[in-house]
Amino acid sequence: MRACYACGSEVRSSERVGREERCLHCGADLRCCQNCRFYAPGRRNDCAEPQAEPVADKERGNFCEYFAFRRAQPAAAGA
C-alpha cells in the first residue's frame, strides 16, 4: 500500500506519480522526498540514493529521477 506521508491516507494511483499530484485527502505533494523509499534523514542530502541531486524542501514536489513511492508500513495490531 502507498500512503501520504502527511496524513497517512492511502494513495490509490497505479501509475507513476507526477510532480504536481497532491493527496486527495490533505493536499500534500505526493512526489516528494518524504514519500520516497530513498528518503533517509541523516544521510548525505537525506537520501539513500547517492546519485540523486540535492532537494532543499523535502515536502514539495520535485523532479528527482530516482523517486520511487515508499510502501506504507502496516498498522501495528491493537494500535
PDB file of N, CA and C in Angstrom:
ATOM      1  N   MET A   1       0.841  -1.184   0.000  1.00  0.00           N
ATOM      2  CA  MET A   1       0.000   0.000   0.000  1.00  0.00           C
ATOM      3  C   MET A   1       0.884   1.245   0.000  1.00  0.00           C
ATOM      4  N   ARG A   2       0.472   2.238  -0.758  1.00  0.00           N
ATOM      5  CA  ARG A   2       1.158   3.523  -0.754  1.00  0.00           C
ATOM      6  C   ARG A   2       0.308   4.492   0.050  1.00  0.00           C
ATOM      7  N   ALA A   3       0.966   5.317   0.876  1.00  0.00           N
ATOM      8  CA  ALA A   3       0.234   6.252   1.730  1.00  0.00           C
ATOM      9  C   ALA A   3       0.916   7.608   1.738  1.00  0.00           C
ATOM     10  N   CYS A   4       0.135   8.651   1.901  1.00  0.00           N
ATOM     11  CA  CYS A   4       0.625  10.018   2.002  1.00  0.00           C
ATOM     12  C   CYS A   4       1.441  10.170   3.282  1.00  0.00           C
ATOM     13  N   TYR A   5       2.615  10.774   3.182  1.00  0.00           N
ATOM     14  CA  TYR A   5       3.463  10.974   4.369  1.00  0.00           C
ATOM     15  C   TYR A   5       2.805  11.908   5.371  1.00  0.00           C
ATOM     16  N   ALA A   6       1.979  12.850   4.903  1.00  0.00           N
ATOM     17  CA  ALA A   6       1.427  13.886   5.776  1.00  0.00           C
ATOM     18  C   ALA A   6       0.226  13.417   6.592  1.00  0.00           C
ATOM     19  N   CYS A   7      -0.666  12.662   5.958  1.00  0.00           N
ATOM     20  CA  CYS A   7      -1.893  12.289   6.662  1.00  0.00           C
ATOM     21  C   CYS A   7      -2.109  10.785   6.772  1.00  0.00           C
ATOM     22  N   GLY A   8      -1.321   9.993   6.045  1.00  0.00           N
ATOM     23  CA  GLY A   8      -1.446   8.546   6.117  1.00  0.00           C
ATOM     24  C   GLY A   8      -2.529   7.961   5.234  1.00  0.00           C
ATOM     25  N   SER A   9      -3.236   8.811   4.473  1.00  0.00           N
ATOM     26  CA  SER A   9      -4.295   8.306   3.592  1.00  0.00           C
ATOM     27  C   SER A   9      -3.704   7.476   2.462  1.00  0.00           C
ATOM     28  N   GLU A  10      -4.401   6.430   2.092  1.00  0.00           N
ATOM     29  CA  GLU A  10      -3.946   5.564   1.015  1.00  0.00           C
ATOM     30  C   GLU A  10      -3.944   6.320  -0.307  1.00  0.00           C
ATOM     31  N   VAL A  11      -2.887   6.115  -1.085  1.00  0.00           N
ATOM     32  CA  VAL A  11      -2.761   6.694  -2.423  1.00  0.00           C
ATOM     33  C   VAL A  11      -3.045   5.565  -3.388  1.00  0.00           C
ATOM     34  N   ARG A  12      -4.118   5.684  -4.149  1.00  0.00           N
ATOM     35  CA  ARG A  12      -4.572   4.568  -4.980  1.00  0.00           C
ATOM     36  C   ARG A  12      -4.165   4.666  -6.440  1.00  0.00           C
ATOM     37  N   SER A  13      -3.243   5.523  -6.782  1.00  0.00           N
ATOM     38  CA  SER A  13      -2.789   5.647  -8.161  1.00  0.00           C
ATOM     39  C   SER A  13      -1.908   4.457  -8.504  1.00  0.00           C
ATOM     40  N   SER A  14      -2.203   3.792  -9.604  1.00  0.00           N
ATOM     41  CA  SER A  14      -1.389   2.662 -10.032  1.00  0.00           C
ATOM     42  C   SER A  14      -0.305   3.120 -11.006  1.00  0.00           C
ATOM     43  N   GLU A  15      -0.403   4.361 -11.447  1.00  0.00           N
ATOM     44  CA  GLU A  15       0.558   4.907 -12.389  1.00  0.00           C
ATOM     45  C   GLU A  15       1.643   5.669 -11.645  1.00  0.00           C
ATOM     46  N   ARG A  16       2.611   6.169 -12.393  1.00  0.00           N
ATOM     47  CA  ARG A  16       3.665   6.985 -11.812  1.00  0.00           C
ATOM     48  C   ARG A  16       3.049   8.258 -11.248  1.00  0.00           C
ATOM     49  N   VAL A  17       3.603   8.732 -10.163  1.00  0.00           N
ATOM     50  CA  VAL A  17       3.107   9.935  -9.507  1.00  0.00           C
ATOM     51  C   VAL A  17       3.809  11.135 -10.118  1.00  0.00           C
ATOM     52  N   GLY A  18       3.032  12.090 -10.634  1.00  0.00           N
ATOM     53  CA  GLY A  18       3.579  13.291 -11.248  1.00  0.00           C
ATOM     54  C   GLY A  18       3.984  14.337 -10.207  1.00  0.00           C
ATOM     55  N   ARG A  19       4.858  15.264 -10.602  1.00  0.00           N
ATOM     56  CA  ARG A  19       5.383  16.271  -9.694  1.00  0.00           C
ATOM     57  C   ARG A  19       4.301  17.141  -9.079  1.00  0.00           C
ATOM     58  N   GLU A  20       3.224  17.378  -9.769  1.00  0.00           N
ATOM     59  CA  GLU A  20       2.184  18.266  -9.258  1.00  0.00           C
ATOM     60  C   GLU A  20       0.998  17.531  -8.636  1.00  0.00           C
ATOM     61  N   GLU A  21       1.092  16.214  -8.518  1.00  0.00           N
ATOM     62  CA  GLU A  21      -0.013  15.467  -7.902  1.00  0.00           C
ATOM     63  C   GLU A  21      -0.041  15.696  -6.404  1.00  0.00           C
ATOM     64  N   ARG A  22      -1.256  15.803  -5.886  1.00  0.00           N
ATOM     65  CA  ARG A  22      -1.443  16.064  -4.457  1.00  0.00           C
ATOM     66  C   ARG A  22      -2.356  14.999  -3.852  1.00  0.00           C
ATOM     67  N   CYS A  23      -2.217  14.831  -2.553  1.00  0.00           N
ATOM     68  CA  CYS A  23      -3.065  13.909  -1.810  1.00  0.00           C
ATOM     69  C   CYS A  23      -4.507  14.399  -1.894  1.00  0.00           C
ATOM     70  N   LEU A  24      -5.427  13.512  -2.214  1.00  0.00           N
ATOM     71  CA  LEU A  24      -6.837  13.888  -2.307  1.00  0.00           C
ATOM     72  C   LEU A  24      -7.426  14.235  -0.946  1.00  0.00           C
ATOM     73  N   HIS A  25      -6.815  13.751   0.118  1.00  0.00           N
ATOM     74  CA  HIS A  25      -7.351  13.986   1.462  1.00  0.00           C
ATOM     75  C   HIS A  25      -6.832  15.278   2.085  1.00  0.00           C
ATOM     76  N   CYS A  26      -5.501  15.516   2.037  1.00  0.00           N
ATOM     77  CA  CYS A  26      -4.932  16.676   2.737  1.00  0.00           C
ATOM     78  C   CYS A  26      -4.275  17.707   1.832  1.00  0.00           C
ATOM     79  N   GLY A  27      -4.055  17.392   0.553  1.00  0.00           N
ATOM     80  CA  GLY A  27      -3.469  18.339  -0.387  1.00  0.00           C
ATOM     81  C   GLY A  27      -1.952  18.375  -0.407  1.00  0.00           C
ATOM     82  N   ALA A  28      -1.277  17.508   0.342  1.00  0.00           N
ATOM     83  CA  ALA A  28       0.188  17.479   0.357  1.00  0.00           C
ATOM     84  C   ALA A  28       0.719  16.973  -0.980  1.00  0.00           C
ATOM     85  N   ASP A  29       1.880  17.477  -1.386  1.00  0.00           N
ATOM     86  CA  ASP A  29       2.533  16.982  -2.592  1.00  0.00           C
ATOM     87  C   ASP A  29       2.859  15.506  -2.410  1.00  0.00           C
ATOM     88  N   LEU A  30       2.635  14.708  -3.455  1.00  0.00           N
ATOM     89  CA  LEU A  30       2.899  13.271  -3.354  1.00  0.00           C
ATOM     90  C   LEU A  30       4.286  12.887  -3.859  1.00  0.00           C
ATOM     91  N   ARG A  31       4.752  13.540  -4.929  1.00  0.00           N
ATOM     92  CA  ARG A  31       6.076  13.205  -5.475  1.00  0.00           C
ATOM     93  C   ARG A  31       7.118  14.076  -4.774  1.00  0.00           C
ATOM     94  N   CYS A  32       7.409  13.712  -3.544  1.00  0.00           N
ATOM     95  CA  CYS A  32       8.360  14.478  -2.731  1.00  0.00           C
ATOM     96  C   CYS A  32       9.246  13.507  -1.959  1.00  0.00           C
ATOM     97  N   CYS A  33      10.331  14.031  -1.419  1.00  0.00           N
ATOM     98  CA  CYS A  33      11.280  13.186  -0.678  1.00  0.00           C
ATOM     99  C   CYS A  33      10.609  12.420   0.455  1.00  0.00           C
ATOM    100  N   GLN A  34       9.698  13.066   1.162  1.00  0.00           N
ATOM    101  CA  GLN A  34       9.043  12.425   2.309  1.00  0.00           C
ATOM    102  C   GLN A  34       8.294  11.149   1.902  1.00  0.00           C
ATOM    103  N   ASN A  35       7.872  11.045   0.655  1.00  0.00           N
ATOM    104  CA  ASN A  35       7.155   9.855   0.186  1.00  0.00           C
ATOM    105  C   ASN A  35       8.050   8.874  -0.566  1.00  0.00           C
ATOM    106  N   CYS A  36       9.335   9.167  -0.657  1.00  0.00           N
ATOM    107  CA  CYS A  36      10.236   8.335  -1.453  1.00  0.00           C
ATOM    108  C   CYS A  36      10.886   7.240  -0.613  1.00  0.00           C
ATOM    109  N   ARG A  37      11.057   6.082  -1.207  1.00  0.00           N
ATOM    110  CA  ARG A  37      11.688   4.971  -0.491  1.00  0.00           C
ATOM    111  C   ARG A  37      13.155   5.238  -0.204  1.00  0.00           C
ATOM    112  N   PHE A  38      13.774   6.191  -0.900  1.00  0.00           N
ATOM    113  CA  PHE A  38      15.177   6.529  -0.673  1.00  0.00           C
ATOM    114  C   PHE A  38      15.363   7.610   0.398  1.00  0.00           C
ATOM    115  N   TYR A  39      14.275   8.195   0.899  1.00  0.00           N
ATOM    116  CA  TYR A  39      14.383   9.240   1.912  1.00  0.00           C
ATOM    117  C   TYR A  39      15.024   8.644   3.170  1.00  0.00           C
ATOM    118  N   ALA A  40      16.136   9.257   3.587  1.00  0.00           N
ATOM    119  CA  ALA A  40      16.897   8.724   4.723  1.00  0.00           C
ATOM    120  C   ALA A  40      17.465   9.883   5.533  1.00  0.00           C
ATOM    121  N   PRO A  41      16.670  10.436   6.460  1.00  0.00           N
ATOM    122  CA  PRO A  41      17.149  11.551   7.276  1.00  0.00           C
ATOM    123  C   PRO A  41      18.477  11.211   7.954  1.00  0.00           C
ATOM    124  N   GLY A  42      19.398  12.160   7.897  1.00  0.00           N
ATOM    125  CA  GLY A  42      20.710  11.961   8.498  1.00  0.00           C
ATOM    126  C   GLY A  42      21.783  11.554   7.508  1.00  0.00           C
ATOM    127  N   ARG A  43      21.387  10.990   6.386  1.00  0.00           N
ATOM    128  CA  ARG A  43      22.363  10.650   5.346  1.00  0.00           C
ATOM    129  C   ARG A  43      22.634  11.893   4.514  1.00  0.00           C
ATOM    130  N   ARG A  44      23.674  11.856   3.721  1.00  0.00           N
ATOM    131  CA  ARG A  44      24.003  12.988   2.853  1.00  0.00           C
ATOM    132  C   ARG A  44      22.773  13.350   2.020  1.00  0.00           C
ATOM    133  N   ASN A  45      22.391  14.597   2.059  1.00  0.00           N
ATOM    134  CA  ASN A  45      21.194  15.108   1.365  1.00  0.00           C
ATOM    135  C   ASN A  45      19.911  14.411   1.819  1.00  0.00           C
ATOM    136  N   ASP A  46      19.958  13.715   2.941  1.00  0.00           N
ATOM    137  CA  ASP A  46      18.810  12.957   3.469  1.00  0.00           C
ATOM    138  C   ASP A  46      18.296  11.944   2.458  1.00  0.00           C
ATOM    139  N   CYS A  47      19.221  11.386   1.682  1.00  0.00           N
ATOM    140  CA  CYS A  47      18.825  10.464   0.619  1.00  0.00           C
ATOM    141  C   CYS A  47      19.773   9.269   0.562  1.00  0.00           C
ATOM    142  N   ALA A  48      19.205   8.083   0.411  1.00  0.00           N
ATOM    143  CA  ALA A  48      19.995   6.855   0.315  1.00  0.00           C
ATOM    144  C   ALA A  48      20.474   6.600  -1.113  1.00  0.00           C
ATOM    145  N   GLU A  49      20.001   7.377  -2.072  1.00  0.00           N
ATOM    146  CA  GLU A  49      20.434   7.237  -3.458  1.00  0.00           C
ATOM    147  C   GLU A  49      21.597   8.204  -3.682  1.00  0.00           C
ATOM    148  N   PRO A  50      22.821   7.707  -3.799  1.00  0.00           N
ATOM    149  CA  PRO A  50      23.994   8.585  -3.870  1.00  0.00           C
ATOM    150  C   PRO A  50      24.063   9.473  -5.112  1.00  0.00           C
ATOM    151  N   GLN A  51      23.371   9.126  -6.184  1.00  0.00           N
ATOM    152  CA  GLN A  51      23.436   9.915  -7.410  1.00  0.00           C
ATOM    153  C   GLN A  51      22.353  10.983  -7.496  1.00  0.00           C
ATOM    154  N   ALA A  52      21.420  10.990  -6.568  1.00  0.00           N
ATOM    155  CA  ALA A  52      20.321  11.958  -6.613  1.00  0.00           C
ATOM    156  C   ALA A  52      20.827  13.367  -6.334  1.00  0.00           C
ATOM    157  N   GLU A  53      20.260  14.325  -7.045  1.00  0.00           N
ATOM    158  CA  GLU A  53      20.578  15.734  -6.825  1.00  0.00           C
ATOM    159  C   GLU A  53      19.969  16.166  -5.499  1.00  0.00           C
ATOM    160  N   PRO A  54      20.618  17.081  -4.771  1.00  0.00           N
ATOM    161  CA  PRO A  54      20.050  17.575  -3.515  1.00  0.00           C
ATOM    162  C   PRO A  54      18.709  18.277  -3.743  1.00  0.00           C
ATOM    163  N   VAL A  55      17.783  18.077  -2.826  1.00  0.00           N
ATOM    164  CA  VAL A  55      16.478  18.730  -2.862  1.00  0.00           C
ATOM    165  C   VAL A  55      16.342  19.501  -1.556  1.00  0.00           C
ATOM    166  N   ALA A  56      16.086  20.808  -1.663  1.00  0.00           N
ATOM    167  CA  ALA A  56      16.038  21.663  -0.471  1.00  0.00           C
ATOM    168  C   ALA A  56      14.808  21.393   0.394  1.00  0.00           C
ATOM    169  N   ASP A  57      13.629  21.357  -0.214  1.00  0.00           N
ATOM    170  CA  ASP A  57      12.394  21.192   0.541  1.00  0.00           C
ATOM    171  C   ASP A  57      11.879  19.772   0.347  1.00  0.00           C
ATOM    172  N   LYS A  58      11.995  18.969   1.376  1.00  0.00           N
ATOM    173  CA  LYS A  58      11.651  17.546   1.292  1.00  0.00           C
ATOM    174  C   LYS A  58      10.152  17.275   1.235  1.00  0.00           C
ATOM    175  N   GLU A  59       9.329  18.315   1.423  1.00  0.00           N
ATOM    176  CA  GLU A  59       7.873  18.142   1.400  1.00  0.00           C
ATOM    177  C   GLU A  59       7.228  18.704   0.139  1.00  0.00           C
ATOM    178  N   ARG A  60       8.026  19.264  -0.768  1.00  0.00           N
ATOM    179  CA  ARG A  60       7.495  19.836  -2.007  1.00  0.00           C
ATOM    180  C   ARG A  60       7.751  18.893  -3.172  1.00  0.00           C
ATOM    181  N   GLY A  61       6.876  18.938  -4.153  1.00  0.00           N
ATOM    182  CA  GLY A  61       7.047  18.126  -5.344  1.00  0.00           C
ATOM    183  C   GLY A  61       8.358  18.461  -6.030  1.00  0.00           C
ATOM    184  N   ASN A  62       8.998  17.459  -6.642  1.00  0.00           N
ATOM    185  CA  ASN A  62      10.269  17.694  -7.310  1.00  0.00           C
ATOM    186  C   ASN A  62      10.404  16.803  -8.542  1.00  0.00           C
ATOM    187  N   PHE A  63      11.511  16.982  -9.256  1.00  0.00           N
ATOM    188  CA  PHE A  63      11.742  16.243 -10.498  1.00  0.00           C
ATOM    189  C   PHE A  63      12.770  15.125 -10.345  1.00  0.00           C
ATOM    190  N   CYS A  64      13.045  14.688  -9.140  1.00  0.00           N
ATOM    191  CA  CYS A  64      14.074  13.672  -8.931  1.00  0.00           C
ATOM    192  C   CYS A  64      13.802  12.444  -9.798  1.00  0.00           C
ATOM    193  N   GLU A  65      14.827  12.027 -10.524  1.00  0.00           N
ATOM    194  CA  GLU A  65      14.707  10.873 -11.420  1.00  0.00           C
ATOM    195  C   GLU A  65      14.670   9.549 -10.670  1.00  0.00           C
ATOM    196  N   TYR A  66      15.067   9.562  -9.410  1.00  0.00           N
ATOM    197  CA  TYR A  66      15.140   8.323  -8.627  1.00  0.00           C
ATOM    198  C   TYR A  66      13.922   8.106  -7.737  1.00  0.00           C
ATOM    199  N   PHE A  67      12.950   8.995  -7.818  1.00  0.00           N
ATOM    200  CA  PHE A  67      11.778   8.874  -6.954  1.00  0.00           C
ATOM    201  C   PHE A  67      11.107   7.519  -7.139  1.00  0.00           C
ATOM    202  N   ALA A  68      10.845   6.853  -6.028  1.00  0.00           N
ATOM    203  CA  ALA A  68      10.087   5.603  -6.011  1.00  0.00           C
ATOM    204  C   ALA A  68       9.207   5.661  -4.766  1.00  0.00           C
ATOM    205  N   PHE A  69       7.914   5.596  -4.944  1.00  0.00           N
ATOM    206  CA  PHE A  69       6.987   5.738  -3.816  1.00  0.00           C
ATOM    207  C   PHE A  69       7.273   4.666  -2.775  1.00  0.00           C
ATOM    208  N   ARG A  70       7.418   5.082  -1.533  1.00  0.00           N
ATOM    209  CA  ARG A  70       7.678   4.134  -0.451  1.00  0.00           C
ATOM    210  C   ARG A  70       6.405   3.354  -0.152  1.00  0.00           C
ATOM    211  N   ARG A  71       6.578   2.191   0.362  1.00  0.00           N
ATOM    212  CA  ARG A  71       5.444   1.368   0.799  1.00  0.00           C
ATOM    213  C   ARG A  71       5.142   1.698   2.236  1.00  0.00           C
ATOM    214  N   ALA A  72       3.877   1.894   2.556  1.00  0.00           N
ATOM    215  CA  ALA A  72       3.470   2.188   3.927  1.00  0.00           C
ATOM    216  C   ALA A  72       3.621   0.934   4.774  1.00  0.00           C
ATOM    217  N   GLN A  73       3.990   1.130   6.014  1.00  0.00           N
ATOM    218  CA  GLN A  73       4.090   0.028   6.950  1.00  0.00           C
ATOM    219  C   GLN A  73       2.692  -0.311   7.449  1.00  0.00           C
ATOM    220  N   PRO A  74       2.342  -1.575   7.553  1.00  0.00           N
ATOM    221  CA  PRO A  74       1.032  -1.935   8.084  1.00  0.00           C
ATOM    222  C   PRO A  74       0.896  -1.434   9.520  1.00  0.00           C
ATOM    223  N   ALA A  75      -0.305  -1.051   9.878  1.00  0.00           N
ATOM    224  CA  ALA A  75      -0.560  -0.571  11.243  1.00  0.00           C
ATOM    225  C   ALA A  75      -0.307  -1.700  12.235  1.00  0.00           C
ATOM    226  N   ALA A  76       0.236  -1.360  13.372  1.00  0.00           N
ATOM    227  CA  ALA A  76       0.508  -2.368  14.402  1.00  0.00           C
ATOM    228  C   ALA A  76      -0.796  -2.915  14.950  1.00  0.00           C
ATOM    229  N   ALA A  77      -0.812  -4.186  15.266  1.00  0.00           N
ATOM    230  CA  ALA A  77      -2.015  -4.814  15.818  1.00  0.00           C
ATOM    231  C   ALA A  77      -2.390  -4.157  17.138  1.00  0.00           C
ATOM    232  N   GLY A  78      -3.640  -3.812  17.275  1.00  0.00           N
ATOM    233  CA  GLY A  78      -4.137  -3.209  18.508  1.00  0.00           C
ATOM    234  C   GLY A  78      -3.855  -1.728  18.623  1.00  0.00           C
ATOM    235  N   ALA A  79      -3.293  -1.121  17.559  1.00  0.00           N
ATOM    236  CA  ALA A  79      -2.978   0.316  17.605  1.00  0.00           C
ATOM    237  C   ALA A  79      -4.134   1.144  17.126  1.00  0.00           C
TER     238      ALA A  79
END
